[in-house]
Amino acid sequence: PRGNETQVAIRTAYIGVGATAVSQANRIEGRVARRMFHGDFV
């Protein structure tokens, strides 16, 4: 890092929620605001 960075990127497919949120470095509380069904993924 150079020290002037101001953003991180988190891919949507790499985030666990609920039962899949186990043994990971970052664990944060949240609430599901909306759910959209896309066929191959939600």
Full PDB file with SEQRES, HELIX, SHEET, SSBOND, CRYST1, ORIGX, SCALE, CONECT and MASTER records, all heavy atoms in Angstrom:
SEQRES   1 A   42  PRO ARG GLY ASN GLU THR GLN VAL ALA ILE ARG THR ALA          
SEQRES   2 A   42  TYR ILE GLY VAL GLY ALA THR ALA VAL SER GLN ALA ASN          
SEQRES   3 A   42  ARG ILE GLU GLY ARG VAL ALA ARG ARG MET PHE HIS GLY          
SEQRES   4 A   42  ASP PHE VAL                                                  
HELIX    1 AA1 THR A   12  TYR A   14  5                                   3    
HELIX    2 AA2 GLY A   18  THR A   20  5                                   3    
CRYST1    1.000    1.000    1.000  90.00  90.00  90.00 P 1           1          
ORIGX1      1.000000  0.000000  0.000000        0.00000                         
ORIGX2      0.000000  1.000000  0.000000        0.00000                         
ORIGX3      0.000000  0.000000  1.000000        0.00000                         
SCALE1      1.000000  0.000000  0.000000        0.00000                         
SCALE2      0.000000  1.000000  0.000000        0.00000                         
SCALE3      0.000000  0.000000  1.000000        0.00000                         
ATOM      1  N   PRO A   1       0.830  -1.212   0.000  1.00  0.00           N  
ATOM      2  CA  PRO A   1       0.000   0.000   0.000  1.00  0.00           C  
ATOM      3  C   PRO A   1       0.864   1.261   0.000  1.00  0.00           C  
ATOM      4  O   PRO A   1       1.920   1.301   0.634  1.00  0.00           O  
ATOM      5  CB  PRO A   1      -0.796  -0.125   1.302  1.00  0.00           C  
ATOM      6  CG  PRO A   1      -0.770  -1.570   1.644  1.00  0.00           C  
ATOM      7  CD  PRO A   1       0.553  -2.077   1.160  1.00  0.00           C  
ATOM      8  N   ARG A   2       0.407   2.277  -0.718  1.00  0.00           N  
ATOM      9  CA  ARG A   2       1.115   3.558  -0.749  1.00  0.00           C  
ATOM     10  C   ARG A   2       0.600   4.526   0.307  1.00  0.00           C  
ATOM     11  O   ARG A   2       1.218   5.546   0.570  1.00  0.00           O  
ATOM     12  CB  ARG A   2       0.982   4.183  -2.136  1.00  0.00           C  
ATOM     13  CG  ARG A   2       1.654   3.363  -3.249  1.00  0.00           C  
ATOM     14  CD  ARG A   2       1.532   4.082  -4.583  1.00  0.00           C  
ATOM     15  NE  ARG A   2       2.221   3.350  -5.640  1.00  0.00           N  
ATOM     16  CZ  ARG A   2       2.274   3.751  -6.908  1.00  0.00           C  
ATOM     17  NH1 ARG A   2       1.676   4.892  -7.261  1.00  0.00           N  
ATOM     18  NH2 ARG A   2       2.919   3.031  -7.802  1.00  0.00           N  
ATOM     19  N   GLY A   3      -0.572   4.205   0.851  1.00  0.00           N  
ATOM     20  CA  GLY A   3      -1.130   5.073   1.880  1.00  0.00           C  
ATOM     21  C   GLY A   3      -2.194   6.027   1.375  1.00  0.00           C  
ATOM     22  O   GLY A   3      -2.910   6.637   2.168  1.00  0.00           O  
ATOM     23  N   ASN A   4      -2.316   6.155   0.033  1.00  0.00           N  
ATOM     24  CA  ASN A   4      -3.329   7.058  -0.528  1.00  0.00           C  
ATOM     25  C   ASN A   4      -4.548   6.314  -1.055  1.00  0.00           C  
ATOM     26  O   ASN A   4      -5.436   6.911  -1.664  1.00  0.00           O  
ATOM     27  CB  ASN A   4      -2.721   7.911  -1.650  1.00  0.00           C  
ATOM     28  CG  ASN A   4      -2.229   7.070  -2.823  1.00  0.00           C  
ATOM     29  OD1 ASN A   4      -2.045   5.860  -2.700  1.00  0.00           O  
ATOM     30  ND2 ASN A   4      -2.005   7.710  -3.956  1.00  0.00           N  
ATOM     31  N   GLU A   5      -4.612   5.003  -0.806  1.00  0.00           N  
ATOM     32  CA  GLU A   5      -5.754   4.213  -1.270  1.00  0.00           C  
ATOM     33  C   GLU A   5      -6.994   4.525  -0.417  1.00  0.00           C  
ATOM     34  O   GLU A   5      -6.888   4.693   0.802  1.00  0.00           O  
ATOM     35  CB  GLU A   5      -5.453   2.723  -1.196  1.00  0.00           C  
ATOM     36  CG  GLU A   5      -4.321   2.271  -2.112  1.00  0.00           C  
ATOM     37  CD  GLU A   5      -2.935   2.389  -1.489  1.00  0.00           C  
ATOM     38  OE1 GLU A   5      -2.838   2.996  -0.394  1.00  0.00           O  
ATOM     39  OE2 GLU A   5      -1.973   1.881  -2.085  1.00  0.00           O  
ATOM     40  N   THR A   6      -8.156   4.573  -1.053  1.00  0.00           N  
ATOM     41  CA  THR A   6      -9.382   4.938  -0.337  1.00  0.00           C  
ATOM     42  C   THR A   6     -10.532   3.964  -0.571  1.00  0.00           C  
ATOM     43  O   THR A   6     -11.652   4.236  -0.137  1.00  0.00           O  
ATOM     44  CB  THR A   6      -9.849   6.341  -0.759  1.00  0.00           C  
ATOM     45  OG1 THR A   6     -10.096   6.353  -2.171  1.00  0.00           O  
ATOM     46  CG2 THR A   6      -8.805   7.400  -0.421  1.00  0.00           C  
ATOM     47  N   GLN A   7     -10.269   2.830  -1.244  1.00  0.00           N  
ATOM     48  CA  GLN A   7     -11.345   1.892  -1.522  1.00  0.00           C  
ATOM     49  C   GLN A   7     -10.869   0.453  -1.465  1.00  0.00           C  
ATOM     50  O   GLN A   7      -9.708   0.165  -1.808  1.00  0.00           O  
ATOM     51  CB  GLN A   7     -11.943   2.138  -2.913  1.00  0.00           C  
ATOM     52  CG  GLN A   7     -12.844   3.349  -3.040  1.00  0.00           C  
ATOM     53  CD  GLN A   7     -13.457   3.448  -4.422  1.00  0.00           C  
ATOM     54  OE1 GLN A   7     -12.758   3.386  -5.427  1.00  0.00           O  
ATOM     55  NE2 GLN A   7     -14.772   3.582  -4.489  1.00  0.00           N  
ATOM     56  N   VAL A   8     -11.773  -0.428  -1.046  1.00  0.00           N  
ATOM     57  CA  VAL A   8     -11.570  -1.866  -1.210  1.00  0.00           C  
ATOM     58  C   VAL A   8     -12.716  -2.410  -2.058  1.00  0.00           C  
ATOM     59  O   VAL A   8     -13.799  -1.814  -2.124  1.00  0.00           O  
ATOM     60  CB  VAL A   8     -11.520  -2.620   0.139  1.00  0.00           C  
ATOM     61  CG1 VAL A   8     -10.254  -2.289   0.907  1.00  0.00           C  
ATOM     62  CG2 VAL A   8     -12.776  -2.349   0.966  1.00  0.00           C  
ATOM     63  N   ALA A   9     -12.455  -3.540  -2.741  1.00  0.00           N  
ATOM     64  CA  ALA A   9     -13.487  -4.203  -3.530  1.00  0.00           C  
ATOM     65  C   ALA A   9     -13.768  -5.576  -2.933  1.00  0.00           C  
ATOM     66  O   ALA A   9     -12.842  -6.311  -2.584  1.00  0.00           O  
ATOM     67  CB  ALA A   9     -13.035  -4.352  -4.980  1.00  0.00           C  
ATOM     68  N   ILE A  10     -15.054  -5.910  -2.805  1.00  0.00           N  
ATOM     69  CA  ILE A  10     -15.470  -7.220  -2.291  1.00  0.00           C  
ATOM     70  C   ILE A  10     -16.412  -7.834  -3.319  1.00  0.00           C  
ATOM     71  O   ILE A  10     -17.501  -7.314  -3.562  1.00  0.00           O  
ATOM     72  CB  ILE A  10     -16.184  -7.104  -0.931  1.00  0.00           C  
ATOM     73  CG1 ILE A  10     -15.376  -6.241   0.043  1.00  0.00           C  
ATOM     74  CG2 ILE A  10     -16.430  -8.489  -0.335  1.00  0.00           C  
ATOM     75  CD1 ILE A  10     -16.149  -5.852   1.293  1.00  0.00           C  
ATOM     76  N   ARG A  11     -15.986  -8.928  -3.964  1.00  0.00           N  
ATOM     77  CA  ARG A  11     -16.819  -9.583  -4.963  1.00  0.00           C  
ATOM     78  C   ARG A  11     -18.087 -10.144  -4.315  1.00  0.00           C  
ATOM     79  O   ARG A  11     -18.030 -10.759  -3.240  1.00  0.00           O  
ATOM     80  CB  ARG A  11     -16.049 -10.708  -5.648  1.00  0.00           C  
ATOM     81  CG  ARG A  11     -14.894 -10.242  -6.524  1.00  0.00           C  
ATOM     82  CD  ARG A  11     -15.381  -9.578  -7.777  1.00  0.00           C  
ATOM     83  NE  ARG A  11     -14.285  -9.172  -8.655  1.00  0.00           N  
ATOM     84  CZ  ARG A  11     -14.419  -8.283  -9.621  1.00  0.00           C  
ATOM     85  NH1 ARG A  11     -15.606  -7.710  -9.821  1.00  0.00           N  
ATOM     86  NH2 ARG A  11     -13.397  -7.963 -10.393  1.00  0.00           N  
ATOM     87  N   THR A  12     -19.226  -9.966  -4.989  1.00  0.00           N  
ATOM     88  CA  THR A  12     -20.513 -10.392  -4.430  1.00  0.00           C  
ATOM     89  C   THR A  12     -20.584 -11.901  -4.220  1.00  0.00           C  
ATOM     90  O   THR A  12     -21.293 -12.373  -3.336  1.00  0.00           O  
ATOM     91  CB  THR A  12     -21.648  -9.963  -5.374  1.00  0.00           C  
ATOM     92  OG1 THR A  12     -21.431 -10.553  -6.662  1.00  0.00           O  
ATOM     93  CG2 THR A  12     -21.700  -8.457  -5.532  1.00  0.00           C  
ATOM     94  N   ALA A  13     -19.829 -12.671  -5.029  1.00  0.00           N  
ATOM     95  CA  ALA A  13     -19.890 -14.135  -4.940  1.00  0.00           C  
ATOM     96  C   ALA A  13     -19.062 -14.691  -3.793  1.00  0.00           C  
ATOM     97  O   ALA A  13     -19.189 -15.873  -3.460  1.00  0.00           O  
ATOM     98  CB  ALA A  13     -19.421 -14.748  -6.259  1.00  0.00           C  
ATOM     99  N   TYR A  14     -18.187 -13.859  -3.193  1.00  0.00           N  
ATOM    100  CA  TYR A  14     -17.288 -14.338  -2.152  1.00  0.00           C  
ATOM    101  C   TYR A  14     -17.780 -13.997  -0.744  1.00  0.00           C  
ATOM    102  O   TYR A  14     -17.041 -14.133   0.229  1.00  0.00           O  
ATOM    103  CB  TYR A  14     -15.895 -13.749  -2.346  1.00  0.00           C  
ATOM    104  CG  TYR A  14     -15.131 -14.318  -3.525  1.00  0.00           C  
ATOM    105  CD1 TYR A  14     -14.164 -13.574  -4.188  1.00  0.00           C  
ATOM    106  CD2 TYR A  14     -15.378 -15.609  -3.984  1.00  0.00           C  
ATOM    107  CE1 TYR A  14     -13.457 -14.096  -5.266  1.00  0.00           C  
ATOM    108  CE2 TYR A  14     -14.692 -16.136  -5.050  1.00  0.00           C  
ATOM    109  CZ  TYR A  14     -13.723 -15.383  -5.684  1.00  0.00           C  
ATOM    110  OH  TYR A  14     -13.028 -15.907  -6.746  1.00  0.00           O  
ATOM    111  N   ILE A  15     -19.019 -13.568  -0.623  1.00  0.00           N  
ATOM    112  CA  ILE A  15     -19.559 -13.170   0.683  1.00  0.00           C  
ATOM    113  C   ILE A  15     -20.517 -14.245   1.181  1.00  0.00           C  
ATOM    114  O   ILE A  15     -21.466 -14.622   0.488  1.00  0.00           O  
ATOM    115  CB  ILE A  15     -20.293 -11.819   0.582  1.00  0.00           C  
ATOM    116  CG1 ILE A  15     -19.349 -10.740   0.033  1.00  0.00           C  
ATOM    117  CG2 ILE A  15     -20.830 -11.402   1.956  1.00  0.00           C  
ATOM    118  CD1 ILE A  15     -20.045  -9.436  -0.307  1.00  0.00           C  
ATOM    119  N   GLY A  16     -20.239 -14.751   2.366  1.00  0.00           N  
ATOM    120  CA  GLY A  16     -21.134 -15.713   2.992  1.00  0.00           C  
ATOM    121  C   GLY A  16     -22.205 -14.994   3.797  1.00  0.00           C  
ATOM    122  O   GLY A  16     -21.958 -13.924   4.375  1.00  0.00           O  
ATOM    123  N   VAL A  17     -23.385 -15.589   3.848  1.00  0.00           N  
ATOM    124  CA  VAL A  17     -24.499 -15.005   4.599  1.00  0.00           C  
ATOM    125  C   VAL A  17     -25.159 -16.096   5.415  1.00  0.00           C  
ATOM    126  O   VAL A  17     -25.412 -17.197   4.912  1.00  0.00           O  
ATOM    127  CB  VAL A  17     -25.547 -14.369   3.661  1.00  0.00           C  
ATOM    128  CG1 VAL A  17     -26.661 -13.710   4.472  1.00  0.00           C  
ATOM    129  CG2 VAL A  17     -24.909 -13.343   2.742  1.00  0.00           C  
ATOM    130  N   GLY A  18     -25.433 -15.821   6.665  1.00  0.00           N  
ATOM    131  CA  GLY A  18     -26.133 -16.785   7.514  1.00  0.00           C  
ATOM    132  C   GLY A  18     -25.350 -18.072   7.696  1.00  0.00           C  
ATOM    133  O   GLY A  18     -24.225 -18.074   8.210  1.00  0.00           O  
ATOM    134  N   ALA A  19     -25.896 -19.197   7.209  1.00  0.00           N  
ATOM    135  CA  ALA A  19     -25.272 -20.515   7.406  1.00  0.00           C  
ATOM    136  C   ALA A  19     -23.919 -20.622   6.718  1.00  0.00           C  
ATOM    137  O   ALA A  19     -23.078 -21.425   7.114  1.00  0.00           O  
ATOM    138  CB  ALA A  19     -26.213 -21.608   6.889  1.00  0.00           C  
ATOM    139  N   THR A  20     -23.693 -19.835   5.661  1.00  0.00           N  
ATOM    140  CA  THR A  20     -22.408 -19.910   4.937  1.00  0.00           C  
ATOM    141  C   THR A  20     -21.370 -18.958   5.525  1.00  0.00           C  
ATOM    142  O   THR A  20     -20.231 -18.931   5.059  1.00  0.00           O  
ATOM    143  CB  THR A  20     -22.609 -19.574   3.451  1.00  0.00           C  
ATOM    144  OG1 THR A  20     -23.112 -18.237   3.323  1.00  0.00           O  
ATOM    145  CG2 THR A  20     -23.580 -20.545   2.807  1.00  0.00           C  
ATOM    146  N   ALA A  21     -21.730 -18.171   6.508  1.00  0.00           N  
ATOM    147  CA  ALA A  21     -20.809 -17.207   7.109  1.00  0.00           C  
ATOM    148  C   ALA A  21     -20.056 -17.852   8.265  1.00  0.00           C  
ATOM    149  O   ALA A  21     -20.314 -17.571   9.433  1.00  0.00           O  
ATOM    150  CB  ALA A  21     -21.578 -15.970   7.584  1.00  0.00           C  
ATOM    151  N   VAL A  22     -19.120 -18.748   7.951  1.00  0.00           N  
ATOM    152  CA  VAL A  22     -18.382 -19.458   9.003  1.00  0.00           C  
ATOM    153  C   VAL A  22     -16.874 -19.307   8.795  1.00  0.00           C  
ATOM    154  O   VAL A  22     -16.389 -19.291   7.672  1.00  0.00           O  
ATOM    155  CB  VAL A  22     -18.758 -20.960   9.006  1.00  0.00           C  
ATOM    156  CG1 VAL A  22     -20.201 -21.141   9.445  1.00  0.00           C  
ATOM    157  CG2 VAL A  22     -18.553 -21.594   7.639  1.00  0.00           C  
ATOM    158  N   SER A  23     -16.155 -19.214   9.914  1.00  0.00           N  
ATOM    159  CA  SER A  23     -14.683 -19.232   9.942  1.00  0.00           C  
ATOM    160  C   SER A  23     -14.055 -18.304   8.905  1.00  0.00           C  
ATOM    161  O   SER A  23     -13.169 -18.687   8.155  1.00  0.00           O  
ATOM    162  CB  SER A  23     -14.173 -20.677   9.717  1.00  0.00           C  
ATOM    163  OG  SER A  23     -14.684 -21.533  10.693  1.00  0.00           O  
ATOM    164  N   GLN A  24     -14.505 -17.064   8.851  1.00  0.00           N  
ATOM    165  CA  GLN A  24     -13.944 -16.093   7.929  1.00  0.00           C  
ATOM    166  C   GLN A  24     -13.460 -14.874   8.697  1.00  0.00           C  
ATOM    167  O   GLN A  24     -13.939 -14.558   9.792  1.00  0.00           O  
ATOM    168  CB  GLN A  24     -14.969 -15.733   6.844  1.00  0.00           C  
ATOM    169  CG  GLN A  24     -15.283 -16.942   5.937  1.00  0.00           C  
ATOM    170  CD  GLN A  24     -16.408 -16.674   4.961  1.00  0.00           C  
ATOM    171  OE1 GLN A  24     -17.480 -16.266   5.361  1.00  0.00           O  
ATOM    172  NE2 GLN A  24     -16.157 -16.912   3.689  1.00  0.00           N  
ATOM    173  N   ALA A  25     -12.480 -14.158   8.102  1.00  0.00           N  
ATOM    174  CA  ALA A  25     -11.784 -13.097   8.827  1.00  0.00           C  
ATOM    175  C   ALA A  25     -12.694 -11.933   9.197  1.00  0.00           C  
ATOM    176  O   ALA A  25     -12.561 -11.327  10.258  1.00  0.00           O  
ATOM    177  CB  ALA A  25     -10.607 -12.595   7.981  1.00  0.00           C  
ATOM    178  N   ASN A  26     -13.618 -11.612   8.316  1.00  0.00           N  
ATOM    179  CA  ASN A  26     -14.524 -10.486   8.553  1.00  0.00           C  
ATOM    180  C   ASN A  26     -15.935 -11.006   8.806  1.00  0.00           C  
ATOM    181  O   ASN A  26     -16.517 -11.687   7.952  1.00  0.00           O  
ATOM    182  CB  ASN A  26     -14.526  -9.556   7.336  1.00  0.00           C  
ATOM    183  CG  ASN A  26     -13.179  -8.918   7.094  1.00  0.00           C  
ATOM    184  OD1 ASN A  26     -12.725  -8.067   7.846  1.00  0.00           O  
ATOM    185  ND2 ASN A  26     -12.512  -9.335   6.018  1.00  0.00           N  
ATOM    186  N   ARG A  27     -16.485 -10.697   9.980  1.00  0.00           N  
ATOM    187  CA  ARG A  27     -17.830 -11.121  10.351  1.00  0.00           C  
ATOM    188  C   ARG A  27     -18.576  -9.906  10.876  1.00  0.00           C  
ATOM    189  O   ARG A  27     -18.195  -9.331  11.892  1.00  0.00           O  
ATOM    190  CB  ARG A  27     -17.797 -12.235  11.406  1.00  0.00           C  
ATOM    191  CG  ARG A  27     -17.142 -13.520  10.911  1.00  0.00           C  
ATOM    192  CD  ARG A  27     -17.014 -14.557  12.029  1.00  0.00           C  
ATOM    193  NE  ARG A  27     -18.302 -14.933  12.594  1.00  0.00           N  
ATOM    194  CZ  ARG A  27     -19.124 -15.831  12.045  1.00  0.00           C  
ATOM    195  NH1 ARG A  27     -18.785 -16.431  10.911  1.00  0.00           N  
ATOM    196  NH2 ARG A  27     -20.273 -16.128  12.609  1.00  0.00           N  
ATOM    197  N   ILE A  28     -19.660  -9.522  10.167  1.00  0.00           N  
ATOM    198  CA  ILE A  28     -20.372  -8.290  10.492  1.00  0.00           C  
ATOM    199  C   ILE A  28     -21.869  -8.568  10.505  1.00  0.00           C  
ATOM    200  O   ILE A  28     -22.374  -9.393   9.739  1.00  0.00           O  
ATOM    201  CB  ILE A  28     -20.055  -7.178   9.442  1.00  0.00           C  
ATOM    202  CG1 ILE A  28     -18.546  -6.969   9.319  1.00  0.00           C  
ATOM    203  CG2 ILE A  28     -20.726  -5.861   9.825  1.00  0.00           C  
ATOM    204  CD1 ILE A  28     -17.935  -7.549   8.099  1.00  0.00           C  
ATOM    205  N   GLU A  29     -22.581  -7.873  11.340  1.00  0.00           N  
ATOM    206  CA  GLU A  29     -24.041  -8.019  11.401  1.00  0.00           C  
ATOM    207  C   GLU A  29     -24.697  -7.219  10.276  1.00  0.00           C  
ATOM    208  O   GLU A  29     -24.218  -6.149   9.888  1.00  0.00           O  
ATOM    209  CB  GLU A  29     -24.568  -7.531  12.755  1.00  0.00           C  
ATOM    210  CG  GLU A  29     -24.115  -8.401  13.921  1.00  0.00           C  
ATOM    211  CD  GLU A  29     -24.662  -7.883  15.247  1.00  0.00           C  
ATOM    212  OE1 GLU A  29     -25.260  -6.784  15.251  1.00  0.00           O  
ATOM    213  OE2 GLU A  29     -24.492  -8.574  16.261  1.00  0.00           O  
ATOM    214  N   GLY A  30     -25.815  -7.745   9.762  1.00  0.00           N  
ATOM    215  CA  GLY A  30     -26.565  -7.051   8.724  1.00  0.00           C  
ATOM    216  C   GLY A  30     -28.007  -7.507   8.709  1.00  0.00           C  
ATOM    217  O   GLY A  30     -28.412  -8.374   9.484  1.00  0.00           O  
ATOM    218  N   ARG A  31     -28.792  -6.916   7.826  1.00  0.00           N  
ATOM    219  CA  ARG A  31     -30.198  -7.287   7.681  1.00  0.00           C  
ATOM    220  C   ARG A  31     -30.548  -7.314   6.202  1.00  0.00           C  
ATOM    221  O   ARG A  31     -30.196  -6.398   5.451  1.00  0.00           O  
ATOM    222  CB  ARG A  31     -31.101  -6.301   8.417  1.00  0.00           C  
ATOM    223  CG  ARG A  31     -32.592  -6.545   8.195  1.00  0.00           C  
ATOM    224  CD  ARG A  31     -33.447  -5.669   9.065  1.00  0.00           C  
ATOM    225  NE  ARG A  31     -33.320  -6.048  10.474  1.00  0.00           N  
ATOM    226  CZ  ARG A  31     -33.987  -5.441  11.461  1.00  0.00           C  
ATOM    227  NH1 ARG A  31     -34.809  -4.436  11.197  1.00  0.00           N  
ATOM    228  NH2 ARG A  31     -33.826  -5.837  12.702  1.00  0.00           N  
ATOM    229  N   VAL A  32     -31.258  -8.374   5.778  1.00  0.00           N  
ATOM    230  CA  VAL A  32     -31.642  -8.522   4.383  1.00  0.00           C  
ATOM    231  C   VAL A  32     -32.720  -7.499   4.044  1.00  0.00           C  
ATOM    232  O   VAL A  32     -33.823  -7.541   4.586  1.00  0.00           O  
ATOM    233  CB  VAL A  32     -32.139  -9.951   4.080  1.00  0.00           C  
ATOM    234  CG1 VAL A  32     -32.591 -10.059   2.626  1.00  0.00           C  
ATOM    235  CG2 VAL A  32     -31.048 -10.966   4.385  1.00  0.00           C  
ATOM    236  N   ALA A  33     -32.394  -6.564   3.137  1.00  0.00           N  
ATOM    237  CA  ALA A  33     -33.348  -5.533   2.738  1.00  0.00           C  
ATOM    238  C   ALA A  33     -34.193  -5.986   1.552  1.00  0.00           C  
ATOM    239  O   ALA A  33     -35.380  -5.649   1.457  1.00  0.00           O  
ATOM    240  CB  ALA A  33     -32.614  -4.240   2.386  1.00  0.00           C  
ATOM    241  N   ARG A  34     -33.574  -6.739   0.632  1.00  0.00           N  
ATOM    242  CA  ARG A  34     -34.311  -7.162  -0.562  1.00  0.00           C  
ATOM    243  C   ARG A  34     -33.694  -8.440  -1.110  1.00  0.00           C  
ATOM    244  O   ARG A  34     -32.485  -8.655  -1.003  1.00  0.00           O  
ATOM    245  CB  ARG A  34     -34.277  -6.065  -1.617  1.00  0.00           C  
ATOM    246  CG  ARG A  34     -35.197  -6.329  -2.808  1.00  0.00           C  
ATOM    247  CD  ARG A  34     -35.164  -5.172  -3.785  1.00  0.00           C  
ATOM    248  NE  ARG A  34     -35.565  -3.929  -3.135  1.00  0.00           N  
ATOM    249  CZ  ARG A  34     -35.434  -2.723  -3.693  1.00  0.00           C  
ATOM    250  NH1 ARG A  34     -34.896  -2.621  -4.890  1.00  0.00           N  
ATOM    251  NH2 ARG A  34     -35.828  -1.648  -3.040  1.00  0.00           N  
ATOM    252  N   ARG A  35     -34.545  -9.268  -1.715  1.00  0.00           N  
ATOM    253  CA  ARG A  35     -34.096 -10.511  -2.331  1.00  0.00           C  
ATOM    254  C   ARG A  35     -34.631 -10.570  -3.765  1.00  0.00           C  
ATOM    255  O   ARG A  35     -35.813 -10.321  -4.003  1.00  0.00           O  
ATOM    256  CB  ARG A  35     -34.609 -11.708  -1.530  1.00  0.00           C  
ATOM    257  CG  ARG A  35     -34.131 -13.060  -2.064  1.00  0.00           C  
ATOM    258  CD  ARG A  35     -34.764 -14.194  -1.278  1.00  0.00           C  
ATOM    259  NE  ARG A  35     -36.194 -14.314  -1.560  1.00  0.00           N  
ATOM    260  CZ  ARG A  35     -37.082 -14.857  -0.734  1.00  0.00           C  
ATOM    261  NH1 ARG A  35     -36.692 -15.328   0.437  1.00  0.00           N  
ATOM    262  NH2 ARG A  35     -38.361 -14.928  -1.064  1.00  0.00           N  
ATOM    263  N   MET A  36     -33.737 -10.896  -4.722  1.00  0.00           N  
ATOM    264  CA  MET A  36     -34.119 -10.969  -6.140  1.00  0.00           C  
ATOM    265  C   MET A  36     -33.637 -12.291  -6.726  1.00  0.00           C  
ATOM    266  O   MET A  36     -32.452 -12.608  -6.651  1.00  0.00           O  
ATOM    267  CB  MET A  36     -33.515  -9.792  -6.905  1.00  0.00           C  
ATOM    268  CG  MET A  36     -34.154  -8.453  -6.563  1.00  0.00           C  
ATOM    269  SD  MET A  36     -33.075  -7.051  -6.945  1.00  0.00           S  
ATOM    270  CE  MET A  36     -31.892  -7.164  -5.604  1.00  0.00           C  
ATOM    271  N   PHE A  37     -34.556 -13.022  -7.305  1.00  0.00           N  
ATOM    272  CA  PHE A  37     -34.243 -14.329  -7.884  1.00  0.00           C  
ATOM    273  C   PHE A  37     -33.806 -14.153  -9.334  1.00  0.00           C  
ATOM    274  O   PHE A  37     -34.518 -13.574 -10.151  1.00  0.00           O  
ATOM    275  CB  PHE A  37     -35.474 -15.240  -7.803  1.00  0.00           C  
ATOM    276  CG  PHE A  37     -35.232 -16.626  -8.327  1.00  0.00           C  
ATOM    277  CD1 PHE A  37     -34.463 -17.536  -7.602  1.00  0.00           C  
ATOM    278  CD2 PHE A  37     -35.756 -17.036  -9.545  1.00  0.00           C  
ATOM    279  CE1 PHE A  37     -34.239 -18.819  -8.077  1.00  0.00           C  
ATOM    280  CE2 PHE A  37     -35.534 -18.307 -10.032  1.00  0.00           C  
ATOM    281  CZ  PHE A  37     -34.770 -19.201  -9.294  1.00  0.00           C  
ATOM    282  N   HIS A  38     -32.609 -14.667  -9.686  1.00  0.00           N  
ATOM    283  CA  HIS A  38     -32.061 -14.535 -11.036  1.00  0.00           C  
ATOM    284  C   HIS A  38     -31.891 -15.882 -11.740  1.00  0.00           C  
ATOM    285  O   HIS A  38     -31.243 -15.942 -12.778  1.00  0.00           O  
ATOM    286  CB  HIS A  38     -30.700 -13.831 -10.980  1.00  0.00           C  
ATOM    287  CG  HIS A  38     -30.788 -12.373 -10.659  1.00  0.00           C  
ATOM    288  ND1 HIS A  38     -30.716 -11.382 -11.623  1.00  0.00           N  
ATOM    289  CD2 HIS A  38     -30.967 -11.730  -9.476  1.00  0.00           C  
ATOM    290  CE1 HIS A  38     -30.823 -10.199 -11.038  1.00  0.00           C  
ATOM    291  NE2 HIS A  38     -30.984 -10.380  -9.743  1.00  0.00           N  
ATOM    292  N   GLY A  39     -32.435 -16.938 -11.186  1.00  0.00           N  
ATOM    293  CA  GLY A  39     -32.294 -18.257 -11.806  1.00  0.00           C  
ATOM    294  C   GLY A  39     -31.087 -18.994 -11.262  1.00  0.00           C  
ATOM    295  O   GLY A  39     -31.221 -19.821 -10.350  1.00  0.00           O  
ATOM    296  N   ASP A  40     -29.909 -18.719 -11.814  1.00  0.00           N  
ATOM    297  CA  ASP A  40     -28.693 -19.405 -11.370  1.00  0.00           C  
ATOM    298  C   ASP A  40     -28.188 -18.897 -10.023  1.00  0.00           C  
ATOM    299  O   ASP A  40     -27.346 -19.537  -9.388  1.00  0.00           O  
ATOM    300  CB  ASP A  40     -27.579 -19.247 -12.409  1.00  0.00           C  
ATOM    301  CG  ASP A  40     -27.857 -20.053 -13.666  1.00  0.00           C  
ATOM    302  OD1 ASP A  40     -28.645 -21.005 -13.589  1.00  0.00           O  
ATOM    303  OD2 ASP A  40     -27.283 -19.730 -14.717  1.00  0.00           O  
ATOM    304  N   PHE A  41     -28.655 -17.745  -9.592  1.00  0.00           N  
ATOM    305  CA  PHE A  41     -28.249 -17.218  -8.286  1.00  0.00           C  
ATOM    306  C   PHE A  41     -29.361 -16.323  -7.738  1.00  0.00           C  
ATOM    307  O   PHE A  41     -30.266 -15.901  -8.458  1.00  0.00           O  
ATOM    308  CB  PHE A  41     -26.938 -16.425  -8.392  1.00  0.00           C  
ATOM    309  CG  PHE A  41     -27.022 -15.188  -9.249  1.00  0.00           C  
ATOM    310  CD1 PHE A  41     -27.400 -13.957  -8.700  1.00  0.00           C  
ATOM    311  CD2 PHE A  41     -26.728 -15.238 -10.603  1.00  0.00           C  
ATOM    312  CE1 PHE A  41     -27.481 -12.823  -9.491  1.00  0.00           C  
ATOM    313  CE2 PHE A  41     -26.805 -14.112 -11.408  1.00  0.00           C  
ATOM    314  CZ  PHE A  41     -27.184 -12.892 -10.850  1.00  0.00           C  
ATOM    315  N   VAL A  42     -29.278 -16.083  -6.438  1.00  0.00           N  
ATOM    316  CA  VAL A  42     -30.184 -15.146  -5.768  1.00  0.00           C  
ATOM    317  C   VAL A  42     -29.358 -13.954  -5.317  1.00  0.00           C  
ATOM    318  O   VAL A  42     -28.307 -14.119  -4.695  1.00  0.00           O  
ATOM    319  CB  VAL A  42     -30.884 -15.790  -4.554  1.00  0.00           C  
ATOM    320  CG1 VAL A  42     -31.793 -14.791  -3.860  1.00  0.00           C  
ATOM    321  CG2 VAL A  42     -31.679 -17.015  -4.992  1.00  0.00           C  
TER     322      VAL A  42                                                      
MASTER        0    0    0    2    0    0    0    6  321    1    0    4          
END                                                                             
